[in-house]
Amino acid sequence: MPKKRAAADVLVLGSHPSTYLAAVMLAQAKVPVRHVVVDGQGMPERLTVVNPRLFELHKTLAGIKKKLDLTPVYGLRFLADEAGTSSEYASQTPVAFVGSYEQLRSELRSAAQKEKVPLSEAEQIEITQLDESGVSVAFDGIEARSRLLIVGGPLPQSQRRILGMSPSWDAGVLHRYTYLVLRGKKWRTDSAKPLINMSLDLLGQLYWAWLLPGEDRIQVAVEQPLESVQEHPPAKVLRHWIDVLGKHGQLAGGDGIDVEQAIGLDLPLTGALAQEGVANRTLLMGPAGGFLTACAEDIYPGCWSALFAAEVARNALDQPHLQDALREYRGKWGSTLGDYLRGPQQNLRFLLPLVYRNPVMTARLAEAILAGKSVVR
């Protein structure tokens, strides 16, 4: 039984970079907050796309920009399976950055430490009580009592039931993201203004794939619906993408890459569009709320969700009916982030042939992916 007791108005659960941002914002607003990270639940290191608008969301994010090793990218290059069929959208200025997921998390964790947010690293957590006055969470001999939770990481099914969360993601939401980080510069074809190489119809399926350029490494990755992994094993899909990159002259030495070493993540892409983000005294943000784009980008939408979750939580604490006040979380992000999470809405099987023939359509599709703009204008 837990012996120590701790109290905070808000308890933040999870280790996604956005959870540290939520804790920072609450601490800066003078809201008593505590952060709990469960061992082994953090996502592994990888390269990630960083939307430049990330650093405009909050002063803490603007402050860490110069501390990050960011590779500017200037557009997208779409590659068909057949050699010789490709198109590209290139800008004179950076349209995105590629950075280290772990470095982003580390810098935001340091920001939370500067704000003196109490942080616990627990082997496991257990929600022991939920009533009209708050939530009790037990971990490592401590029972923490809070008025509400902000959850940014996975919870066991039993804990989800207590909070009134949906038992699982809707069909079609979970996708397998499979990637390899290749260190050194021998793999890449250098360019003063690098582009992200991308496929939208790998193996004739609507599987997406990327080659992300970093300072001293690259990352090859594929994404497919979870339900397709039996028919098309991810390692074989990744091998096919590596071969496509080789045929287009965008990757050197692909034959020497061991795809069996790839890492697989099951991600709820655009899950925020399909599932309720408010549970009993709980706001779901970051990966827990499905704030990932169709391109498996999670930093910008995750931090956006942290921004709004912290704002809603702070306001709800002052209201006589806290649960009712949390409902505000449902609407605003859907009207602002919805198109960005979805990406292109048109039938890509019809659209892709036009992309390879029409530079205007190439640019529109790239802007839909990178910025959430509509393809039809």
Protein backbone atom coordinates (compact mmCIF):
# COMPACT_ATOMS: atom_id res chain seq x y z
CA MET A 1 0.00 0.00 0.00
CA PRO A 2 1.28 3.48 -0.78
CA LYS A 3 2.52 5.23 2.35
CA LYS A 4 3.46 8.70 1.13
CA ARG A 5 0.83 11.15 -0.06
CA ALA A 6 1.26 13.95 -2.57
CA ALA A 7 -1.25 16.49 -3.82
CA ALA A 8 -1.43 18.57 -6.99
CA ASP A 9 -4.31 20.15 -8.85
CA VAL A 10 -3.18 18.46 -12.07
CA LEU A 11 -1.33 15.19 -12.61
CA VAL A 12 0.36 14.80 -16.02
CA LEU A 13 1.04 11.22 -17.16
CA GLY A 14 3.37 10.22 -19.99
CA SER A 15 6.81 10.85 -21.47
CA HIS A 16 6.01 12.31 -24.88
CA PRO A 17 7.72 15.71 -25.40
CA SER A 18 4.33 17.38 -25.28
CA THR A 19 3.67 16.17 -21.72
CA TYR A 20 6.63 18.20 -20.48
CA LEU A 21 5.28 21.24 -22.30
CA ALA A 22 1.88 20.82 -20.64
CA ALA A 23 3.58 20.62 -17.22
CA VAL A 24 5.66 23.74 -17.98
CA MET A 25 2.59 25.74 -18.97
CA LEU A 26 0.67 24.76 -15.87
CA ALA A 27 3.62 25.57 -13.61
CA GLN A 28 4.05 28.97 -15.25
CA ALA A 29 0.34 29.61 -14.62
CA LYS A 30 0.94 28.83 -10.91
CA VAL A 31 -1.18 25.68 -11.05
CA PRO A 32 0.14 22.95 -8.68
CA VAL A 33 1.20 20.17 -11.07
CA ARG A 34 3.02 16.86 -10.82
CA HIS A 35 4.41 14.78 -13.70
CA VAL A 36 4.70 10.98 -13.69
CA VAL A 37 6.62 9.03 -16.35
CA VAL A 38 6.19 5.26 -16.54
CA ASP A 39 9.41 3.36 -17.25
CA GLY A 40 9.54 1.70 -20.65
CA GLN A 41 6.62 3.62 -22.15
CA GLY A 42 8.65 6.28 -23.93
CA MET A 43 9.00 6.10 -27.69
CA PRO A 44 12.48 5.16 -28.95
CA GLU A 45 14.86 7.62 -30.54
CA ARG A 46 14.23 8.47 -34.17
CA LEU A 47 14.37 11.36 -36.59
CA THR A 48 11.15 13.34 -36.73
CA VAL A 49 9.71 16.05 -38.92
CA VAL A 50 9.39 19.36 -37.09
CA ASN A 51 6.92 21.92 -38.40
CA PRO A 52 8.49 25.43 -38.24
CA ARG A 53 5.26 26.67 -36.65
CA LEU A 54 6.15 24.61 -33.57
CA PHE A 55 8.42 27.38 -32.30
CA GLU A 56 5.61 29.94 -32.56
CA LEU A 57 3.28 28.03 -30.24
CA HIS A 58 4.86 29.03 -26.94
CA LYS A 59 7.86 30.93 -25.58
CA THR A 60 9.33 27.73 -24.13
CA LEU A 61 9.44 26.17 -27.60
CA ALA A 62 10.91 29.34 -29.10
CA GLY A 63 13.58 29.24 -26.40
CA ILE A 64 14.79 25.72 -27.18
CA LYS A 65 15.01 26.16 -30.98
CA LYS A 66 18.66 27.21 -30.95
CA LYS A 67 19.55 24.26 -28.72
CA LEU A 68 18.27 21.69 -31.21
CA ASP A 69 20.22 20.10 -34.05
CA LEU A 70 17.77 20.77 -36.86
CA THR A 71 18.26 19.97 -40.54
CA PRO A 72 16.25 22.33 -42.74
CA VAL A 73 14.39 20.71 -45.62
CA TYR A 74 13.09 22.62 -48.62
CA GLY A 75 10.29 20.47 -49.97
CA LEU A 76 9.11 17.00 -50.97
CA ARG A 77 10.16 14.67 -53.75
CA PHE A 78 7.49 12.12 -54.68
CA LEU A 79 8.85 8.82 -56.00
CA ALA A 80 6.87 6.21 -57.90
CA ASP A 81 7.83 2.54 -57.74
CA GLU A 82 9.05 2.78 -61.33
CA ALA A 83 12.44 4.40 -61.90
CA GLY A 84 12.15 7.62 -63.87
CA THR A 85 8.71 8.58 -62.54
CA SER A 86 8.97 11.29 -59.90
CA SER A 87 8.10 14.90 -59.19
CA GLU A 88 9.21 17.43 -56.64
CA TYR A 89 8.13 20.54 -54.85
CA ALA A 90 11.03 22.78 -53.81
CA SER A 91 11.01 26.08 -51.94
CA GLN A 92 13.70 28.72 -51.58
CA THR A 93 13.18 28.71 -47.82
CA PRO A 94 12.83 25.80 -45.37
CA VAL A 95 9.35 24.28 -45.24
CA ALA A 96 10.20 21.91 -42.37
CA PHE A 97 13.03 20.68 -40.19
CA VAL A 98 14.22 17.20 -39.30
CA GLY A 99 15.38 16.72 -35.74
CA SER A 100 15.99 14.20 -32.98
CA TYR A 101 12.93 13.03 -31.07
CA GLU A 102 15.01 12.33 -27.97
CA GLN A 103 16.72 15.72 -28.08
CA LEU A 104 13.35 17.46 -28.25
CA ARG A 105 12.12 15.45 -25.28
CA SER A 106 15.31 16.14 -23.33
CA GLU A 107 15.12 19.90 -23.88
CA LEU A 108 11.47 20.07 -22.84
CA ARG A 109 12.21 17.92 -19.82
CA SER A 110 14.94 20.42 -18.85
CA ALA A 111 12.43 23.24 -19.26
CA ALA A 112 10.07 21.46 -16.85
CA GLN A 113 12.91 20.99 -14.36
CA LYS A 114 13.65 24.73 -14.49
CA GLU A 115 10.03 25.36 -13.57
CA LYS A 116 10.53 22.96 -10.62
CA VAL A 117 7.79 20.58 -11.75
CA PRO A 118 7.92 17.51 -9.44
CA LEU A 119 8.80 14.52 -11.66
CA SER A 120 8.49 10.85 -10.73
CA GLU A 121 9.71 7.92 -12.83
CA ALA A 122 7.52 4.97 -11.89
CA GLU A 123 7.62 1.29 -12.77
CA GLN A 124 3.83 1.32 -13.07
CA ILE A 125 0.84 3.38 -12.04
CA GLU A 126 -2.59 2.46 -10.75
CA ILE A 127 -5.66 4.66 -10.60
CA THR A 128 -7.05 3.75 -7.18
CA GLN A 129 -9.94 6.14 -6.81
CA LEU A 130 -12.10 8.39 -8.97
CA ASP A 131 -14.85 10.43 -7.35
CA GLU A 132 -16.53 13.82 -7.44
CA SER A 133 -13.58 15.53 -5.80
CA GLY A 134 -10.69 14.11 -7.82
CA VAL A 135 -8.48 11.20 -8.85
CA SER A 136 -5.99 9.15 -6.82
CA VAL A 137 -3.02 7.53 -8.58
CA ALA A 138 -0.61 5.14 -6.85
CA PHE A 139 2.99 4.61 -7.96
CA ASP A 140 6.20 3.54 -6.23
CA GLY A 141 4.89 3.89 -2.70
CA ILE A 142 3.24 7.25 -3.36
CA GLU A 143 -0.45 8.04 -3.63
CA ALA A 144 -0.95 11.24 -5.59
CA ARG A 145 -4.26 13.03 -5.37
CA SER A 146 -5.26 15.51 -8.09
CA ARG A 147 -8.39 17.22 -9.30
CA LEU A 148 -7.80 16.17 -12.90
CA LEU A 149 -5.44 14.22 -15.15
CA ILE A 150 -3.73 15.10 -18.41
CA VAL A 151 -2.71 11.86 -20.11
CA GLY A 152 -0.15 11.79 -22.92
CA GLY A 153 0.87 8.13 -22.88
CA PRO A 154 -0.65 4.63 -22.92
CA LEU A 155 -2.68 3.25 -20.03
CA PRO A 156 -3.58 -0.40 -19.27
CA GLN A 157 -7.10 -1.48 -20.21
CA SER A 158 -8.19 -1.67 -16.58
CA GLN A 159 -7.12 1.92 -15.99
CA ARG A 160 -8.80 3.08 -19.20
CA ARG A 161 -12.09 1.58 -18.03
CA ILE A 162 -11.92 3.44 -14.71
CA LEU A 163 -11.53 6.74 -16.54
CA GLY A 164 -14.31 5.92 -19.00
CA MET A 165 -11.97 5.88 -21.98
CA SER A 166 -12.70 3.91 -25.13
CA PRO A 167 -11.21 0.40 -24.76
CA SER A 168 -9.37 0.57 -28.10
CA TRP A 169 -8.84 2.68 -31.18
CA ASP A 170 -11.41 2.55 -33.96
CA ALA A 171 -10.71 0.23 -36.89
CA GLY A 172 -8.28 1.76 -39.36
CA VAL A 173 -6.72 4.21 -36.90
CA LEU A 174 -3.67 2.20 -35.82
CA HIS A 175 -0.82 2.11 -38.34
CA ARG A 176 2.51 0.34 -38.17
CA TYR A 177 5.42 2.78 -38.56
CA THR A 178 8.63 0.88 -39.35
CA TYR A 179 11.96 2.66 -39.54
CA LEU A 180 15.73 2.38 -39.60
CA VAL A 181 18.20 5.10 -38.65
CA LEU A 182 21.39 4.86 -40.73
CA ARG A 183 24.35 6.75 -39.30
CA GLY A 184 27.10 8.33 -41.36
CA LYS A 185 27.03 10.16 -44.66
CA LYS A 186 27.80 7.23 -46.95
CA TRP A 187 24.10 6.51 -47.50
CA ARG A 188 23.02 9.90 -48.72
CA THR A 189 23.24 11.98 -51.84
CA ASP A 190 24.20 15.40 -50.50
CA SER A 191 22.34 18.54 -51.50
CA ALA A 192 22.65 22.14 -50.36
CA LYS A 193 18.87 22.26 -50.02
CA PRO A 194 17.72 18.72 -49.17
CA LEU A 195 14.21 17.46 -49.83
CA ILE A 196 12.26 14.74 -48.05
CA ASN A 197 11.83 11.76 -50.39
CA MET A 198 8.34 10.31 -50.12
CA SER A 199 6.09 7.63 -51.60
CA LEU A 200 2.30 7.67 -51.36
CA ASP A 201 1.58 4.37 -53.10
CA LEU A 202 4.31 1.92 -52.23
CA LEU A 203 3.74 -1.56 -53.71
CA GLY A 204 0.64 -0.20 -55.43
CA GLN A 205 -1.00 0.22 -52.00
CA LEU A 206 -1.72 3.44 -50.16
CA TYR A 207 1.34 2.86 -47.98
CA TRP A 208 3.43 5.94 -47.28
CA ALA A 209 7.20 6.03 -47.00
CA TRP A 210 9.94 8.57 -46.31
CA LEU A 211 13.63 9.20 -46.39
CA LEU A 212 14.40 11.87 -43.79
CA PRO A 213 17.79 13.64 -43.99
CA GLY A 214 19.63 14.42 -40.76
CA GLU A 215 22.95 16.09 -40.03
CA ASP A 216 24.95 12.87 -39.61
CA ARG A 217 22.32 10.22 -40.37
CA ILE A 218 19.26 9.45 -42.41
CA GLN A 219 16.07 7.58 -41.63
CA VAL A 220 14.14 5.30 -43.96
CA ALA A 221 10.58 4.62 -42.85
CA VAL A 222 7.33 3.12 -44.09
CA GLU A 223 3.80 3.35 -42.73
CA GLN A 224 0.89 1.01 -43.40
CA PRO A 225 -2.46 0.16 -41.78
CA LEU A 226 -1.95 -2.30 -38.93
CA GLU A 227 -4.44 -4.69 -40.52
CA SER A 228 -2.13 -5.06 -43.58
CA VAL A 229 0.99 -6.35 -41.83
CA GLN A 230 0.12 -10.02 -42.32
CA GLU A 231 -0.27 -9.65 -46.07
CA HIS A 232 2.69 -7.30 -46.43
CA PRO A 233 5.24 -7.79 -43.62
CA PRO A 234 6.77 -4.42 -42.68
CA ALA A 235 10.35 -5.59 -43.22
CA LYS A 236 9.51 -6.50 -46.83
CA VAL A 237 7.73 -3.19 -47.36
CA LEU A 238 10.78 -1.37 -45.99
CA ARG A 239 13.10 -3.40 -48.25
CA HIS A 240 10.95 -2.44 -51.24
CA TRP A 241 11.18 1.24 -50.30
CA ILE A 242 14.95 1.00 -49.99
CA ASP A 243 15.07 -0.54 -53.48
CA VAL A 244 12.86 2.26 -54.85
CA LEU A 245 15.17 4.87 -53.33
CA GLY A 246 18.14 3.13 -54.93
CA LYS A 247 16.51 3.05 -58.37
CA HIS A 248 15.88 6.79 -58.15
CA GLY A 249 19.47 7.50 -57.07
CA GLN A 250 18.41 8.80 -53.65
CA LEU A 251 20.09 6.16 -51.48
CA ALA A 252 23.51 4.58 -51.80
CA GLY A 253 24.45 1.12 -50.55
CA GLY A 254 20.91 -0.07 -49.99
CA ASP A 255 21.87 -3.72 -50.53
CA GLY A 256 23.88 -3.61 -47.29
CA ILE A 257 20.97 -2.53 -45.12
CA ASP A 258 19.57 -5.17 -42.76
CA VAL A 259 15.85 -4.47 -42.62
CA GLU A 260 15.39 -7.06 -39.87
CA GLN A 261 16.92 -4.51 -37.48
CA ALA A 262 14.08 -2.07 -38.13
CA ILE A 263 11.98 -0.73 -35.25
CA GLY A 264 8.19 -0.88 -35.43
CA LEU A 265 5.75 1.44 -33.67
CA ASP A 266 1.94 1.14 -33.68
CA LEU A 267 0.66 4.70 -33.90
CA PRO A 268 -2.93 6.02 -33.84
CA LEU A 269 -2.60 8.24 -36.90
CA THR A 270 -5.24 11.01 -36.98
CA GLY A 271 -6.88 9.24 -34.04
CA ALA A 272 -7.94 12.58 -32.57
CA LEU A 273 -10.48 12.85 -35.41
CA ALA A 274 -12.08 9.53 -34.48
CA GLN A 275 -12.07 9.34 -30.68
CA GLU A 276 -13.24 11.42 -27.74
CA GLY A 277 -10.44 13.42 -26.12
CA VAL A 278 -12.24 13.94 -22.79
CA ALA A 279 -12.71 11.19 -20.20
CA ASN A 280 -13.66 11.30 -16.51
CA ARG A 281 -11.66 14.21 -15.05
CA THR A 282 -9.16 13.53 -17.83
CA LEU A 283 -7.87 15.23 -20.99
CA LEU A 284 -6.10 13.09 -23.59
CA MET A 285 -3.29 14.78 -25.49
CA GLY A 286 -0.31 13.84 -27.66
CA PRO A 287 -0.28 10.16 -28.70
CA ALA A 288 -2.89 9.27 -26.07
CA GLY A 289 -5.32 11.58 -27.83
CA GLY A 290 -4.30 10.49 -31.32
CA PHE A 291 -2.64 13.79 -32.20
CA LEU A 292 -0.54 12.39 -35.05
CA THR A 293 -0.88 13.41 -38.67
CA ALA A 294 -1.43 11.01 -41.55
CA CYS A 295 2.35 11.35 -42.11
CA ALA A 296 3.10 10.08 -38.58
CA GLU A 297 4.22 13.55 -37.47
CA ASP A 298 3.51 14.02 -33.78
CA ILE A 299 5.62 16.87 -32.39
CA TYR A 300 3.69 19.89 -33.66
CA PRO A 301 0.16 18.47 -33.21
CA GLY A 302 1.18 16.91 -29.89
CA CYS A 303 2.50 20.21 -28.55
CA TRP A 304 -0.55 22.02 -29.90
CA SER A 305 -2.75 19.62 -27.94
CA ALA A 306 -0.62 20.24 -24.83
CA LEU A 307 -1.10 23.97 -25.22
CA PHE A 308 -4.87 23.66 -25.37
CA ALA A 309 -5.10 20.94 -22.71
CA ALA A 310 -3.17 23.11 -20.24
CA GLU A 311 -5.39 26.10 -21.03
CA VAL A 312 -8.62 24.13 -20.65
CA ALA A 313 -7.39 22.47 -17.45
CA ARG A 314 -6.41 25.78 -15.90
CA ASN A 315 -9.79 27.32 -16.65
CA ALA A 316 -11.72 24.22 -15.54
CA LEU A 317 -10.13 24.30 -12.09
CA ASP A 318 -11.91 27.61 -11.43
CA GLN A 319 -15.34 26.34 -12.47
CA PRO A 320 -17.96 24.84 -10.12
CA HIS A 321 -18.51 21.88 -12.45
CA LEU A 322 -15.06 20.77 -13.58
CA GLN A 323 -16.16 17.93 -15.86
CA ASP A 324 -18.48 20.20 -17.81
CA ALA A 325 -15.71 22.75 -18.23
CA LEU A 326 -13.43 20.10 -19.77
CA ARG A 327 -15.84 19.73 -22.68
CA GLU A 328 -14.34 22.80 -24.31
CA TYR A 329 -11.43 20.56 -25.29
CA ARG A 330 -13.64 18.75 -27.81
CA GLY A 331 -14.25 21.50 -30.33
CA LYS A 332 -11.52 24.04 -30.87
CA TRP A 333 -8.72 21.80 -32.08
CA GLY A 334 -11.04 20.06 -34.54
CA SER A 335 -11.69 23.35 -36.31
CA THR A 336 -8.03 24.37 -36.32
CA LEU A 337 -5.94 21.20 -36.60
CA GLY A 338 -8.37 18.90 -38.40
CA ASP A 339 -7.15 19.47 -41.96
CA TYR A 340 -3.53 19.33 -40.83
CA LEU A 341 -4.04 15.92 -39.22
CA ARG A 342 -5.91 14.49 -42.21
CA GLY A 343 -3.53 15.53 -44.97
CA PRO A 344 -4.88 15.20 -48.52
CA GLN A 345 -8.53 14.18 -48.60
CA GLN A 346 -8.87 13.43 -52.30
CA ASN A 347 -8.70 9.93 -53.73
CA LEU A 348 -4.96 9.49 -54.05
CA ARG A 349 -5.29 6.71 -56.60
CA PHE A 350 -6.86 9.26 -58.92
CA LEU A 351 -4.61 12.12 -57.86
CA LEU A 352 -1.17 10.54 -58.04
CA PRO A 353 -0.90 10.26 -61.85
CA LEU A 354 -1.66 14.00 -62.02
CA VAL A 355 1.02 14.72 -59.43
CA TYR A 356 3.72 13.14 -61.57
CA ARG A 357 2.64 15.12 -64.66
CA ASN A 358 1.58 18.46 -63.23
CA PRO A 359 3.94 20.68 -61.18
CA VAL A 360 1.01 22.69 -59.80
CA MET A 361 -0.61 19.53 -58.45
CA THR A 362 2.74 18.41 -57.04
CA ALA A 363 3.02 21.68 -55.12
CA ARG A 364 -0.55 21.49 -53.85
CA LEU A 365 -0.18 17.94 -52.60
CA ALA A 366 3.10 18.82 -50.89
CA GLU A 367 1.51 21.84 -49.19
CA ALA A 368 -1.43 19.69 -48.11
CA ILE A 369 0.98 17.28 -46.43
CA LEU A 370 3.30 19.87 -44.94
CA ALA A 371 0.83 22.58 -43.95
CA GLY A 372 -2.69 21.12 -44.10
CA LYS A 373 -3.72 23.22 -47.08
CA SER A 374 -6.48 22.03 -49.38
CA VAL A 375 -5.48 20.45 -52.68
CA VAL A 376 -8.56 21.94 -54.32
CA ARG A 377 -8.33 25.75 -54.48
